[in-house]
Amino acid sequence: MAAAGPQPPSSHTQTAISSTASTLHAAWKRRGPLAWMLWPLSCLYRAAVAARKLLYRAGVLRSERMAVPVIVVGNVIAGGAGKTPVTQAIVRHLVAQGWRPGVVSRGYGRSTDDCREVHADSSAAEVGDEPALIARSTGVPVFVARQRTQAARALLARHSRTDVIVCDDGLQHLALARDIEVCVFNDDGVGNGFLLPAGPLREPWPRPVDCALYAGQVPGGTAHAFALTRSLAADAIRADGSTMPLAQLRHHPLHAVAAIARPQEFFAMLRAKGLTLQHTSAFPDHYDFDSWQRNEIHGMPLICTEKDATKLWQSHPQALAVPLQLEIDSAFFSLLDDRLRSATHRSLSSPSD
């Protein structure tokens, strides 16, 4: 029997979590009193990060290299930076270029703890909401495991024609050797520049990566940096796969739901589309909707993110999901193609570790 997964927080717990997150998020934007108060702890965190990297460089901890090139899409900040939409965009580009990609992920927030394949109809509770979304939206092989190396091995064993692996998140998961690193930044950039918990950074920045994608200001460092813009699709998706133009909802009061790192940003994007949000419900990222009781006005259309729909549709099949669309500088994909060709040449000319 699968182990019980994380339970949905109560309303009081949810309020406390949201309040704490808002306080930290505000503190991370500048080097104010709270950030400086937490700075000694961030120094300890920095030392731990540096020690771990040193163990990998010394060979005490080892990275495992796969038989095919590996692209890691990650970030250096805590919270959502838009890694999964970037992963989807990269996968679609690779497929269009004739590659046969597969995706690996930890499957954060799932109730299971094993290594398993994710299918288009997999339960988000068992595989994680983001892997479920990637599998459904791209159709490529997706595997989840606590150790990405285990997921990658299982993927290649099951789908032997896979010729490139994309790791959704995992920039700090050094056990999986990578050929290309893509670091994603949201509008907040590096914030106050402090490491956790005094700031948003998981590790010092700048750090070597192949390229960075940013939605706000250009991040520092010497890596190639490319702008990206986020917008909502013109059509919402129903549970059966059919679509509805958002324009048809402009004169209807709506109930918007979001369980992502930055729910208010999703609500603002809906309003920018001319929609009227009568009610909004914001939950912690990866929130489990299984026990959520919708006590608001019944009959009001329910609208949500595409990621949340992987869970909401099980109990609220009438919910409308609005996909997020990315526009990325075409030069990014040209650089990605060049780096991938070089990585493929290295894989063919060198035996795997």
Protein backbone atom coordinates (compact mmCIF):
# COMPACT_ATOMS: atom_id res chain seq x y z
CA MET A 1 0.00 0.00 0.00
CA ALA A 2 1.34 3.41 -0.91
CA ALA A 3 2.36 5.64 1.93
CA ALA A 4 -0.01 8.41 2.80
CA GLY A 5 0.91 11.63 1.09
CA PRO A 6 0.91 15.15 2.47
CA GLN A 7 -2.50 16.16 3.73
CA PRO A 8 -4.17 19.41 2.67
CA PRO A 9 -3.67 22.13 5.27
CA SER A 10 -6.63 23.39 7.26
CA SER A 11 -7.88 26.91 6.64
CA HIS A 12 -5.97 28.17 9.70
CA THR A 13 -2.80 26.37 8.64
CA GLN A 14 -3.22 27.63 5.09
CA THR A 15 -3.56 31.21 6.35
CA ALA A 16 -0.44 30.84 8.50
CA ILE A 17 1.55 29.37 5.61
CA SER A 18 0.44 32.12 3.24
CA SER A 19 1.23 34.81 5.83
CA THR A 20 4.72 33.41 6.49
CA ALA A 21 5.41 33.04 2.76
CA SER A 22 4.29 36.62 2.10
CA THR A 23 6.50 37.93 4.90
CA LEU A 24 9.56 36.07 3.61
CA HIS A 25 8.86 37.00 -0.01
CA ALA A 26 8.73 40.68 0.96
CA ALA A 27 11.95 40.35 3.00
CA TRP A 28 13.73 38.66 0.12
CA LYS A 29 13.24 41.66 -2.15
CA ARG A 30 15.56 43.94 -0.17
CA ARG A 31 18.22 43.79 2.50
CA GLY A 32 16.01 45.01 5.32
CA PRO A 33 16.01 44.23 9.06
CA LEU A 34 14.51 40.73 8.72
CA ALA A 35 16.93 39.75 5.97
CA TRP A 36 19.92 40.91 8.04
CA MET A 37 18.55 39.11 11.09
CA LEU A 38 18.50 35.85 9.10
CA TRP A 39 21.83 36.51 7.38
CA PRO A 40 23.94 34.45 9.87
CA LEU A 41 21.80 31.42 9.06
CA SER A 42 22.31 32.02 5.36
CA CYS A 43 26.07 31.95 5.94
CA LEU A 44 25.72 28.46 7.45
CA TYR A 45 23.59 27.45 4.49
CA ARG A 46 26.21 28.81 2.07
CA ALA A 47 28.91 26.77 3.83
CA ALA A 48 26.82 23.60 3.54
CA VAL A 49 26.24 24.22 -0.19
CA ALA A 50 29.93 24.82 -0.78
CA ALA A 51 30.92 21.69 1.17
CA ARG A 52 28.54 19.53 -0.86
CA LYS A 53 29.93 20.84 -4.16
CA LEU A 54 33.46 20.24 -2.91
CA LEU A 55 32.60 16.60 -2.16
CA TYR A 56 31.45 16.16 -5.76
CA ARG A 57 34.56 17.84 -7.16
CA ALA A 58 36.78 15.64 -4.96
CA GLY A 59 34.99 12.49 -6.11
CA VAL A 60 33.71 11.58 -2.64
CA LEU A 61 30.21 12.00 -4.07
CA ARG A 62 29.89 10.92 -7.69
CA SER A 63 27.74 12.10 -10.55
CA GLU A 64 26.31 9.46 -12.87
CA ARG A 65 26.39 10.10 -16.60
CA MET A 66 23.69 8.72 -18.86
CA ALA A 67 24.23 7.24 -22.32
CA VAL A 68 22.40 10.19 -23.89
CA PRO A 69 22.76 13.96 -23.40
CA VAL A 70 20.99 15.45 -20.37
CA ILE A 71 19.46 18.93 -20.26
CA VAL A 72 18.68 20.24 -16.77
CA VAL A 73 16.10 23.00 -16.43
CA GLY A 74 16.23 24.55 -12.97
CA ASN A 75 16.66 27.68 -10.94
CA VAL A 76 18.72 29.09 -8.11
CA ILE A 77 15.83 30.74 -6.27
CA ALA A 78 13.25 29.24 -3.94
CA GLY A 79 9.69 29.16 -5.16
CA GLY A 80 8.30 29.08 -8.64
CA ALA A 81 10.38 30.45 -11.47
CA GLY A 82 8.48 28.83 -14.34
CA LYS A 83 10.71 25.79 -14.83
CA THR A 84 7.96 23.43 -15.95
CA PRO A 85 6.63 25.69 -18.77
CA VAL A 86 10.22 26.06 -19.98
CA THR A 87 10.64 22.27 -19.86
CA GLN A 88 7.49 21.90 -21.95
CA ALA A 89 8.74 24.46 -24.48
CA ILE A 90 12.12 22.73 -24.77
CA VAL A 91 10.51 19.31 -25.21
CA ARG A 92 8.22 20.60 -27.97
CA HIS A 93 11.19 22.21 -29.70
CA LEU A 94 13.22 18.99 -29.51
CA VAL A 95 10.35 16.95 -30.95
CA ALA A 96 9.96 19.45 -33.79
CA GLN A 97 13.69 19.10 -34.51
CA GLY A 98 13.40 15.32 -34.81
CA TRP A 99 14.72 14.36 -31.37
CA ARG A 100 13.09 11.71 -29.17
CA PRO A 101 13.20 13.32 -25.71
CA GLY A 102 12.18 11.92 -22.36
CA VAL A 103 11.62 13.80 -19.11
CA VAL A 104 12.62 12.96 -15.54
CA SER A 105 11.46 14.64 -12.36
CA ARG A 106 11.30 14.04 -8.65
CA GLY A 107 7.51 14.38 -8.70
CA TYR A 108 7.26 16.80 -5.81
CA GLY A 109 4.15 16.47 -3.62
CA ARG A 110 3.15 12.95 -4.73
CA SER A 111 1.87 10.34 -2.30
CA THR A 112 4.16 7.61 -3.65
CA ASP A 113 7.89 7.21 -3.15
CA ASP A 114 8.95 4.77 -5.86
CA CYS A 115 10.28 5.11 -9.38
CA ARG A 116 7.46 4.98 -11.91
CA GLU A 117 6.42 6.02 -15.38
CA VAL A 118 3.96 8.86 -15.80
CA HIS A 119 1.16 8.45 -18.32
CA ALA A 120 -1.28 10.99 -19.72
CA ASP A 121 -3.99 9.63 -17.42
CA SER A 122 -1.79 9.19 -14.33
CA SER A 123 -3.11 10.59 -11.08
CA ALA A 124 -1.32 13.74 -10.01
CA ALA A 125 -1.49 12.47 -6.43
CA GLU A 126 0.65 9.46 -7.41
CA VAL A 127 3.15 11.10 -9.79
CA GLY A 128 3.09 14.82 -8.96
CA ASP A 129 1.15 17.58 -10.66
CA GLU A 130 3.98 18.89 -12.83
CA PRO A 131 5.05 15.49 -14.25
CA ALA A 132 1.37 14.70 -14.89
CA LEU A 133 1.02 17.98 -16.79
CA ILE A 134 4.17 17.35 -18.85
CA ALA A 135 3.08 13.83 -19.79
CA ARG A 136 -0.40 14.96 -20.79
CA SER A 137 0.70 18.06 -22.72
CA THR A 138 3.74 16.69 -24.57
CA GLY A 139 3.14 12.96 -24.98
CA VAL A 140 6.81 12.09 -24.39
CA PRO A 141 8.01 9.47 -21.88
CA VAL A 142 8.12 10.82 -18.32
CA PHE A 143 9.52 9.08 -15.23
CA VAL A 144 9.61 10.19 -11.60
CA ALA A 145 11.84 9.08 -8.74
CA ARG A 146 13.40 10.66 -5.66
CA GLN A 147 16.76 10.18 -7.35
CA ARG A 148 16.72 11.58 -10.88
CA THR A 149 19.46 9.13 -11.84
CA GLN A 150 17.11 6.25 -11.06
CA ALA A 151 14.34 7.87 -13.11
CA ALA A 152 16.74 8.39 -16.04
CA ARG A 153 17.94 4.78 -15.99
CA ALA A 154 14.37 3.49 -15.87
CA LEU A 155 13.31 5.77 -18.72
CA LEU A 156 16.14 4.62 -20.98
CA ALA A 157 15.48 0.96 -20.14
CA ARG A 158 11.78 1.29 -20.96
CA HIS A 159 12.14 3.63 -23.97
CA SER A 160 15.43 2.66 -25.60
CA ARG A 161 14.97 5.01 -28.57
CA THR A 162 15.13 8.08 -26.33
CA ASP A 163 18.10 10.18 -27.44
CA VAL A 164 17.98 13.12 -25.00
CA ILE A 165 16.73 13.52 -21.42
CA VAL A 166 15.27 16.74 -20.03
CA CYS A 167 15.29 17.03 -16.25
CA ASP A 168 12.49 19.21 -14.90
CA ASP A 169 14.14 20.88 -11.90
CA GLY A 170 17.35 19.45 -10.51
CA LEU A 171 19.96 22.17 -10.98
CA GLN A 172 21.16 21.33 -7.46
CA HIS A 173 20.75 17.54 -7.95
CA LEU A 174 24.40 16.97 -8.79
CA ALA A 175 24.15 13.16 -8.72
CA LEU A 176 22.81 13.38 -12.28
CA ALA A 177 25.57 14.51 -14.63
CA ARG A 178 24.35 17.05 -17.14
CA ASP A 179 25.51 18.34 -20.51
CA ILE A 180 23.42 21.51 -20.64
CA GLU A 181 22.13 23.66 -17.78
CA VAL A 182 19.29 26.15 -18.24
CA CYS A 183 18.59 28.46 -15.30
CA VAL A 184 15.19 30.18 -15.16
CA PHE A 185 14.41 33.46 -13.38
CA ASN A 186 11.03 35.05 -12.71
CA ASP A 187 10.32 38.78 -12.38
CA ASP A 188 12.05 38.92 -8.98
CA GLY A 189 15.44 37.96 -10.38
CA VAL A 190 17.88 37.16 -7.55
CA GLY A 191 16.00 39.31 -5.05
CA ASN A 192 18.27 40.73 -2.34
CA GLY A 193 21.10 38.39 -3.37
CA PHE A 194 21.20 36.54 -0.03
CA LEU A 195 20.99 32.77 0.32
CA LEU A 196 18.21 31.02 2.22
CA PRO A 197 16.68 31.88 4.61
CA ALA A 198 17.78 35.53 4.44
CA GLY A 199 17.13 35.64 0.71
CA PRO A 200 15.67 33.53 -2.09
CA LEU A 201 18.90 31.94 -3.39
CA ARG A 202 19.44 28.19 -3.12
CA GLU A 203 23.09 28.67 -4.07
CA PRO A 204 25.31 31.65 -4.84
CA TRP A 205 24.70 33.50 -8.07
CA PRO A 206 26.36 34.01 -10.51
CA ARG A 207 27.25 30.37 -11.05
CA PRO A 208 28.30 28.64 -14.30
CA VAL A 209 25.36 27.63 -16.50
CA ASP A 210 24.98 27.31 -20.25
CA CYS A 211 22.23 29.90 -20.43
CA ALA A 212 19.70 31.80 -18.35
CA LEU A 213 16.11 32.71 -19.16
CA TYR A 214 14.68 35.74 -17.40
CA ALA A 215 11.29 37.43 -17.16
CA GLY A 216 12.45 40.57 -15.32
CA GLN A 217 15.84 42.20 -15.28
CA VAL A 218 18.85 40.55 -16.88
CA PRO A 219 20.55 38.42 -14.19
CA GLY A 220 24.21 39.00 -13.52
CA GLY A 221 26.92 36.61 -14.59
CA THR A 222 28.59 35.65 -17.82
CA ALA A 223 26.06 33.07 -19.03
CA HIS A 224 24.12 33.71 -22.22
CA ALA A 225 20.84 35.31 -21.11
CA PHE A 226 17.60 35.36 -23.08
CA ALA A 227 14.33 37.12 -22.34
CA LEU A 228 11.06 35.28 -21.97
CA THR A 229 7.52 36.56 -21.64
CA ARG A 230 4.58 34.74 -20.12
CA SER A 231 0.97 35.09 -21.21
CA LEU A 232 -2.23 33.11 -20.96
CA ALA A 233 -3.57 31.19 -23.92
CA ALA A 234 -6.62 32.54 -25.72
CA ASP A 235 -8.60 29.36 -24.99
CA ALA A 236 -9.38 27.48 -21.81
CA ILE A 237 -9.32 23.67 -21.78
CA ARG A 238 -12.07 21.42 -20.48
CA ALA A 239 -11.48 18.05 -18.82
CA ASP A 240 -12.44 16.24 -22.05
CA GLY A 241 -9.79 18.14 -24.02
CA SER A 242 -12.17 20.50 -25.79
CA THR A 243 -11.57 24.24 -25.63
CA MET A 244 -13.51 27.40 -24.91
CA PRO A 245 -12.39 30.90 -25.95
CA LEU A 246 -11.71 33.07 -22.90
CA ALA A 247 -13.54 35.87 -24.68
CA GLN A 248 -16.79 33.98 -24.06
CA LEU A 249 -16.24 34.33 -20.30
CA ARG A 250 -15.73 38.08 -20.20
CA HIS A 251 -19.26 38.88 -19.11
CA HIS A 252 -19.53 36.15 -16.48
CA PRO A 253 -18.42 36.39 -12.84
CA LEU A 254 -15.80 33.71 -12.25
CA HIS A 255 -14.26 31.80 -9.37
CA ALA A 256 -10.49 31.58 -9.97
CA VAL A 257 -8.35 29.02 -8.15
CA ALA A 258 -4.56 28.73 -8.08
CA ALA A 259 -2.20 26.50 -6.08
CA ILE A 260 1.08 27.72 -7.51
CA ALA A 261 4.04 29.66 -6.13
CA ARG A 262 2.65 33.00 -7.34
CA PRO A 263 -1.16 32.71 -7.46
CA GLN A 264 -1.78 36.46 -7.52
CA GLU A 265 0.16 36.67 -10.77
CA PHE A 266 -2.25 34.18 -12.37
CA PHE A 267 -5.25 36.17 -11.12
CA ALA A 268 -3.76 39.39 -12.52
CA MET A 269 -3.21 37.75 -15.91
CA LEU A 270 -6.86 36.62 -15.96
CA ARG A 271 -8.03 40.16 -15.19
CA ALA A 272 -5.74 41.47 -17.92
CA LYS A 273 -7.69 39.24 -20.31
CA GLY A 274 -10.82 41.19 -19.37
CA LEU A 275 -12.26 38.53 -17.05
CA THR A 276 -14.23 39.35 -13.90
CA LEU A 277 -13.04 37.38 -10.88
CA GLN A 278 -15.88 37.37 -8.36
CA HIS A 279 -13.96 35.00 -6.07
CA THR A 280 -10.30 34.02 -5.89
CA SER A 281 -8.86 31.12 -3.89
CA ALA A 282 -5.09 30.97 -3.45
CA PHE A 283 -3.44 27.86 -2.00
CA PRO A 284 0.15 26.76 -1.33
CA ASP A 285 2.05 25.38 -4.29
CA HIS A 286 1.21 21.71 -5.06
CA TYR A 287 -1.90 21.86 -2.84
CA ASP A 288 -3.94 18.65 -2.87
CA PHE A 289 -7.53 19.46 -3.89
CA ASP A 290 -8.96 16.02 -3.02
CA SER A 291 -10.65 17.23 0.17
CA TRP A 292 -11.34 20.78 -0.98
CA GLN A 293 -14.96 21.76 -0.53
CA ARG A 294 -16.08 24.56 -2.76
CA ASN A 295 -18.38 26.58 -0.49
CA GLU A 296 -18.58 29.65 -2.67
CA ILE A 297 -21.51 30.51 -4.94
CA HIS A 298 -22.46 27.37 -6.84
CA GLY A 299 -22.95 27.57 -10.57
CA MET A 300 -20.21 30.15 -11.03
CA PRO A 301 -17.63 28.96 -13.61
CA LEU A 302 -14.48 27.64 -11.98
CA ILE A 303 -11.22 28.61 -13.70
CA CYS A 304 -7.73 27.43 -12.79
CA THR A 305 -4.16 26.91 -13.97
CA GLU A 306 -3.34 23.98 -16.21
CA LYS A 307 -1.19 22.44 -13.47
CA ASP A 308 -3.99 22.63 -10.91
CA ALA A 309 -6.41 21.07 -13.37
CA THR A 310 -4.50 17.77 -13.17
CA LYS A 311 -5.90 17.49 -9.62
CA LEU A 312 -9.08 19.57 -9.76
CA TRP A 313 -10.65 17.68 -12.66
CA GLN A 314 -10.97 14.53 -10.53
CA SER A 315 -13.51 16.19 -8.23
CA HIS A 316 -14.48 19.24 -10.29
CA PRO A 317 -14.60 18.10 -13.94
CA GLN A 318 -16.38 21.30 -14.93
CA ALA A 319 -13.28 23.40 -14.13
CA LEU A 320 -11.72 25.32 -17.01
CA ALA A 321 -7.91 25.29 -17.24
CA VAL A 322 -6.00 28.16 -18.83
CA PRO A 323 -2.57 27.16 -20.19
CA LEU A 324 0.44 29.39 -19.78
CA GLN A 325 2.26 30.30 -22.98
CA LEU A 326 5.89 31.33 -23.25
CA GLU A 327 7.63 33.45 -25.82
CA ILE A 328 11.37 32.80 -25.74
CA ASP A 329 14.03 34.51 -27.82
CA SER A 330 14.69 32.25 -30.82
CA ALA A 331 18.42 32.66 -30.20
CA PHE A 332 17.99 30.52 -27.09
CA PHE A 333 16.84 27.54 -29.12
CA SER A 334 19.69 28.06 -31.59
CA LEU A 335 22.17 27.95 -28.71
CA LEU A 336 20.41 24.89 -27.29
CA ASP A 337 20.69 23.09 -30.65
CA ASP A 338 24.40 23.90 -30.89
CA ARG A 339 25.13 22.71 -27.35
CA LEU A 340 23.09 19.56 -27.90
CA ARG A 341 24.95 18.67 -31.08
CA SER A 342 28.24 19.08 -29.22
CA ALA A 343 26.98 16.98 -26.32
CA THR A 344 25.83 14.24 -28.69
CA HIS A 345 29.26 14.18 -30.33
CA ARG A 346 30.90 13.81 -26.91
CA SER A 347 28.50 10.98 -25.98
CA LEU A 348 29.34 9.08 -29.16
CA SER A 349 33.10 9.57 -28.85
CA SER A 350 33.44 8.86 -25.10
CA PRO A 351 32.30 5.81 -23.11
CA SER A 352 29.77 6.47 -20.38
CA ASP A 353 30.98 6.56 -16.78
